[in-house]
Amino acid sequence: MPPIAIFDCDGTLVDGQASICMAMEAAFAVAGLGAPDLQQVRRMVGLSLPQAVQRLVPEVDEDQLRTAVEAYKQAFRAAREAGELQQALFAGMGDLVARLHAAGWQLGVATGMSRRGLVHCLATHGLSDYFLTLQTADDHPSKPDPSMLHTALFDLAGEQGQAVMIGDTVFDMQMARDAGTRAVGVGWGYHAGDELLAAGAEFVAASPAELGDYLLR
């Protein structure tokens, strides 16, 4: 049976921190919340949007939470429609995806992004055809709940032992641990390598090339 690699998106495949921070600042302003700490915003990337807002403002009430979530979505959508969304593919990631695909791996994505946002992101970078299963915040509880990985494995008719979750946050590593899959971290995202190792990563790659060498060794 072919090996399976499930990638996180933002912070692993692409760098969207500028757009994320912009949208969160707009969301907090609309909801009447104080300006967010952008360093903490970056550390929440990977969680589903409501969970991220609640961690940033534990005292947020339900009305403010709903307002902030909707305002964030509107700000992101407006930036996308205006062609101003910043989600650059990390250098070397396109080559890595193609390399794994050529080696017979089945590929998927598990992300806290919306499905619309993920589909747009992959299409923008010409990656859509590589990924056979897309798991998003639209259909699952927030990471680190293992639901996304369970569904991805079901879609691919795969087993836990075949699969590795690749991500840049402790949420990804914890999700992999809870799903019973391998966990590999990347060192170019939002959480530090020592945090990823402490959360269950078996390895943290310093570059996409090193990640490919490790997976295909």
Protein backbone atom coordinates (compact mmCIF):
# COMPACT_ATOMS: atom_id res chain seq x y z
CA MET A 1 0.00 0.00 0.00
CA PRO A 2 1.39 3.46 -0.87
CA PRO A 3 2.60 5.80 1.87
CA ILE A 4 0.46 8.83 2.72
CA ALA A 5 1.53 12.39 3.52
CA ILE A 6 -1.03 14.80 4.93
CA PHE A 7 0.14 18.43 4.90
CA ASP A 8 -0.97 21.38 6.93
CA CYS A 9 -1.35 24.40 4.65
CA ASP A 10 -0.64 27.81 6.21
CA GLY A 11 2.81 27.83 7.76
CA THR A 12 3.74 24.56 6.03
CA LEU A 13 2.88 24.85 2.33
CA VAL A 14 2.34 28.61 2.20
CA ASP A 15 3.18 31.75 4.17
CA GLY A 16 -0.04 33.65 4.79
CA GLN A 17 0.85 35.44 8.00
CA ALA A 18 0.51 38.96 6.58
CA SER A 19 -3.04 38.33 5.37
CA ILE A 20 -3.98 36.48 8.56
CA CYS A 21 -2.81 39.35 10.74
CA MET A 22 -4.57 41.89 8.54
CA ALA A 23 -7.86 39.99 8.70
CA MET A 24 -7.63 39.45 12.46
CA GLU A 25 -6.94 43.14 13.09
CA ALA A 26 -10.00 44.02 10.98
CA ALA A 27 -12.11 41.41 12.78
CA PHE A 28 -11.17 42.67 16.23
CA ALA A 29 -11.95 46.26 15.23
CA VAL A 30 -15.40 45.36 13.90
CA ALA A 31 -16.19 43.29 17.01
CA GLY A 32 -15.13 46.10 19.35
CA LEU A 33 -12.21 44.14 20.78
CA GLY A 34 -8.83 45.63 21.57
CA ALA A 35 -6.15 45.31 18.91
CA PRO A 36 -4.79 41.74 18.91
CA ASP A 37 -1.22 40.85 19.81
CA LEU A 38 0.05 39.85 16.37
CA GLN A 39 2.70 37.53 17.79
CA GLN A 40 -0.07 35.62 19.55
CA VAL A 41 -2.18 35.69 16.37
CA ARG A 42 0.65 33.91 14.56
CA ARG A 43 0.85 31.30 17.29
CA MET A 44 -2.87 30.54 16.89
CA VAL A 45 -2.54 29.75 13.18
CA GLY A 46 -3.68 26.19 12.63
CA LEU A 47 -6.67 26.37 14.93
CA SER A 48 -10.14 26.86 13.51
CA LEU A 49 -11.15 30.52 13.56
CA PRO A 50 -13.56 30.52 16.54
CA GLN A 51 -11.05 28.62 18.69
CA ALA A 52 -8.28 31.03 17.69
CA VAL A 53 -10.33 34.08 18.68
CA GLN A 54 -11.33 32.48 21.98
CA ARG A 55 -7.69 31.77 22.83
CA LEU A 56 -6.70 35.32 21.94
CA VAL A 57 -9.54 36.83 24.02
CA PRO A 58 -10.69 34.30 26.63
CA GLU A 59 -13.33 36.72 27.95
CA VAL A 60 -14.98 37.25 24.52
CA ASP A 61 -18.76 36.90 24.62
CA GLU A 62 -20.77 34.95 22.07
CA ASP A 63 -21.97 37.99 20.13
CA GLN A 64 -18.46 39.40 19.82
CA LEU A 65 -17.15 36.00 18.81
CA ARG A 66 -19.71 35.62 16.04
CA THR A 67 -19.05 39.18 14.86
CA ALA A 68 -15.28 38.69 14.84
CA VAL A 69 -15.48 35.39 12.96
CA GLU A 70 -17.74 36.82 10.27
CA ALA A 71 -15.66 40.01 9.95
CA TYR A 72 -12.49 37.94 9.56
CA LYS A 73 -14.08 35.91 6.78
CA GLN A 74 -15.28 39.06 5.05
CA ALA A 75 -11.84 40.70 5.28
CA PHE A 76 -10.16 37.59 3.88
CA ARG A 77 -12.73 37.28 1.10
CA ALA A 78 -12.36 40.95 0.15
CA ALA A 79 -8.57 40.61 -0.04
CA ARG A 80 -8.89 37.49 -2.19
CA GLU A 81 -11.37 39.12 -4.57
CA ALA A 82 -9.16 42.22 -4.84
CA GLY A 83 -6.12 40.08 -5.64
CA GLU A 84 -4.41 41.31 -2.48
CA LEU A 85 -4.22 38.02 -0.59
CA GLN A 86 -0.65 37.14 0.40
CA GLN A 87 -0.12 33.37 0.52
CA ALA A 88 3.28 32.76 -1.03
CA LEU A 89 4.36 29.16 -1.52
CA PHE A 90 7.42 28.44 0.61
CA ALA A 91 10.45 28.00 -1.64
CA GLY A 92 10.91 24.36 -2.50
CA MET A 93 7.48 23.16 -1.41
CA GLY A 94 6.16 22.80 -4.95
CA ASP A 95 9.16 20.66 -5.85
CA LEU A 96 8.68 18.54 -2.72
CA VAL A 97 5.02 17.87 -3.47
CA ALA A 98 5.88 16.86 -7.04
CA ARG A 99 8.73 14.69 -5.77
CA LEU A 100 6.52 12.76 -3.34
CA HIS A 101 3.80 12.37 -5.95
CA ALA A 102 6.31 10.99 -8.47
CA ALA A 103 7.51 8.51 -5.83
CA GLY A 104 3.98 7.12 -5.50
CA TRP A 105 2.84 8.83 -2.33
CA GLN A 106 -0.82 9.69 -1.79
CA LEU A 107 -1.15 13.30 -0.64
CA GLY A 108 -3.73 15.26 1.30
CA VAL A 109 -4.24 18.46 3.27
CA ALA A 110 -5.61 18.98 6.79
CA THR A 111 -6.00 22.66 7.63
CA GLY A 112 -7.87 25.13 9.80
CA MET A 113 -8.63 27.12 6.64
CA SER A 114 -12.04 27.09 4.97
CA ARG A 115 -12.53 24.80 1.98
CA ARG A 116 -13.02 27.78 -0.33
CA GLY A 117 -9.80 29.34 0.90
CA LEU A 118 -7.84 26.10 0.57
CA VAL A 119 -9.11 25.34 -2.92
CA HIS A 120 -8.21 28.87 -4.05
CA CYS A 121 -4.76 28.63 -2.46
CA LEU A 122 -3.89 25.29 -4.07
CA ALA A 123 -5.20 26.40 -7.47
CA THR A 124 -3.19 29.62 -7.31
CA HIS A 125 0.01 27.62 -6.91
CA GLY A 126 -0.86 24.89 -9.41
CA LEU A 127 -1.04 22.19 -6.73
CA SER A 128 -4.68 21.14 -6.92
CA ASP A 129 -4.14 17.92 -8.86
CA TYR A 130 -1.61 16.52 -6.38
CA PHE A 131 -3.93 16.32 -3.37
CA LEU A 132 -6.51 13.55 -3.20
CA THR A 133 -8.22 14.54 0.04
CA LEU A 134 -8.85 18.03 1.47
CA GLN A 135 -9.91 18.31 5.10
CA THR A 136 -10.85 21.77 6.37
CA ALA A 137 -12.41 23.65 9.27
CA ASP A 138 -15.74 23.65 7.41
CA ASP A 139 -16.30 19.97 8.18
CA HIS A 140 -14.36 19.17 11.34
CA PRO A 141 -13.67 20.22 14.91
CA SER A 142 -10.56 22.34 15.35
CA LYS A 143 -7.13 20.80 15.55
CA PRO A 144 -5.81 19.00 17.55
CA ASP A 145 -8.96 16.89 17.33
CA PRO A 146 -7.97 13.95 15.05
CA SER A 147 -11.15 14.06 12.96
CA MET A 148 -9.40 15.52 9.89
CA LEU A 149 -6.82 12.75 9.82
CA HIS A 150 -9.37 10.01 10.40
CA THR A 151 -11.40 11.25 7.44
CA ALA A 152 -8.34 11.68 5.23
CA LEU A 153 -7.31 8.08 5.89
CA PHE A 154 -10.85 6.91 5.14
CA ASP A 155 -10.84 8.82 1.84
CA LEU A 156 -7.53 7.24 0.83
CA ALA A 157 -8.41 3.76 2.10
CA GLY A 158 -5.27 4.05 4.22
CA GLU A 159 -4.17 2.95 7.64
CA GLN A 160 -2.47 4.85 10.44
CA GLY A 161 0.86 3.15 9.91
CA GLN A 162 1.05 4.35 6.30
CA ALA A 163 0.53 8.00 7.12
CA VAL A 164 2.57 10.97 8.27
CA MET A 165 1.18 14.36 9.26
CA ILE A 166 3.46 17.23 8.24
CA GLY A 167 2.95 20.57 9.93
CA ASP A 168 4.45 23.59 11.63
CA THR A 169 2.49 23.80 14.90
CA VAL A 170 2.05 21.78 18.05
CA PHE A 171 -1.61 21.44 17.04
CA ASP A 172 -0.54 19.39 14.01
CA MET A 173 1.76 17.19 16.07
CA GLN A 174 -0.89 16.61 18.74
CA MET A 175 -3.47 15.78 16.08
CA ALA A 176 -1.14 13.19 14.56
CA ARG A 177 -0.41 11.68 17.95
CA ASP A 178 -4.11 11.41 18.76
CA ALA A 179 -4.85 9.90 15.34
CA GLY A 180 -2.07 7.33 15.68
CA THR A 181 -0.08 8.54 12.67
CA ARG A 182 3.53 9.65 12.42
CA ALA A 183 4.23 13.35 12.96
CA VAL A 184 6.95 15.37 11.22
CA GLY A 185 7.49 19.06 11.84
CA VAL A 186 8.77 21.83 9.60
CA GLY A 187 11.06 24.54 10.89
CA TRP A 188 9.82 27.45 8.78
CA GLY A 189 6.36 27.95 10.26
CA TYR A 190 4.76 29.41 13.38
CA HIS A 191 6.07 27.22 16.22
CA ALA A 192 9.68 26.48 17.17
CA GLY A 193 11.30 23.14 16.47
CA ASP A 194 11.77 22.26 20.14
CA GLU A 195 8.04 22.81 20.70
CA LEU A 196 7.22 20.47 17.82
CA LEU A 197 9.52 17.77 19.17
CA ALA A 198 8.01 18.11 22.64
CA ALA A 199 4.54 17.75 21.11
CA GLY A 200 5.41 14.47 19.39
CA ALA A 201 7.30 15.22 16.18
CA GLU A 202 9.76 12.47 15.29
CA PHE A 203 11.80 14.92 13.21
CA VAL A 204 11.79 18.63 12.33
CA ALA A 205 13.00 19.50 8.83
CA ALA A 206 14.99 22.67 8.26
CA SER A 207 14.04 22.88 4.57
CA PRO A 208 11.67 21.25 2.07
CA ALA A 209 14.63 19.45 0.50
CA GLU A 210 15.60 17.99 3.87
CA LEU A 211 11.98 17.00 4.46
CA GLY A 212 11.92 15.14 1.15
CA ASP A 213 15.18 13.36 1.90
CA TYR A 214 13.86 12.29 5.31
CA LEU A 215 10.55 10.96 3.99
CA LEU A 216 12.09 9.16 1.01
CA ARG A 217 15.12 7.75 2.78
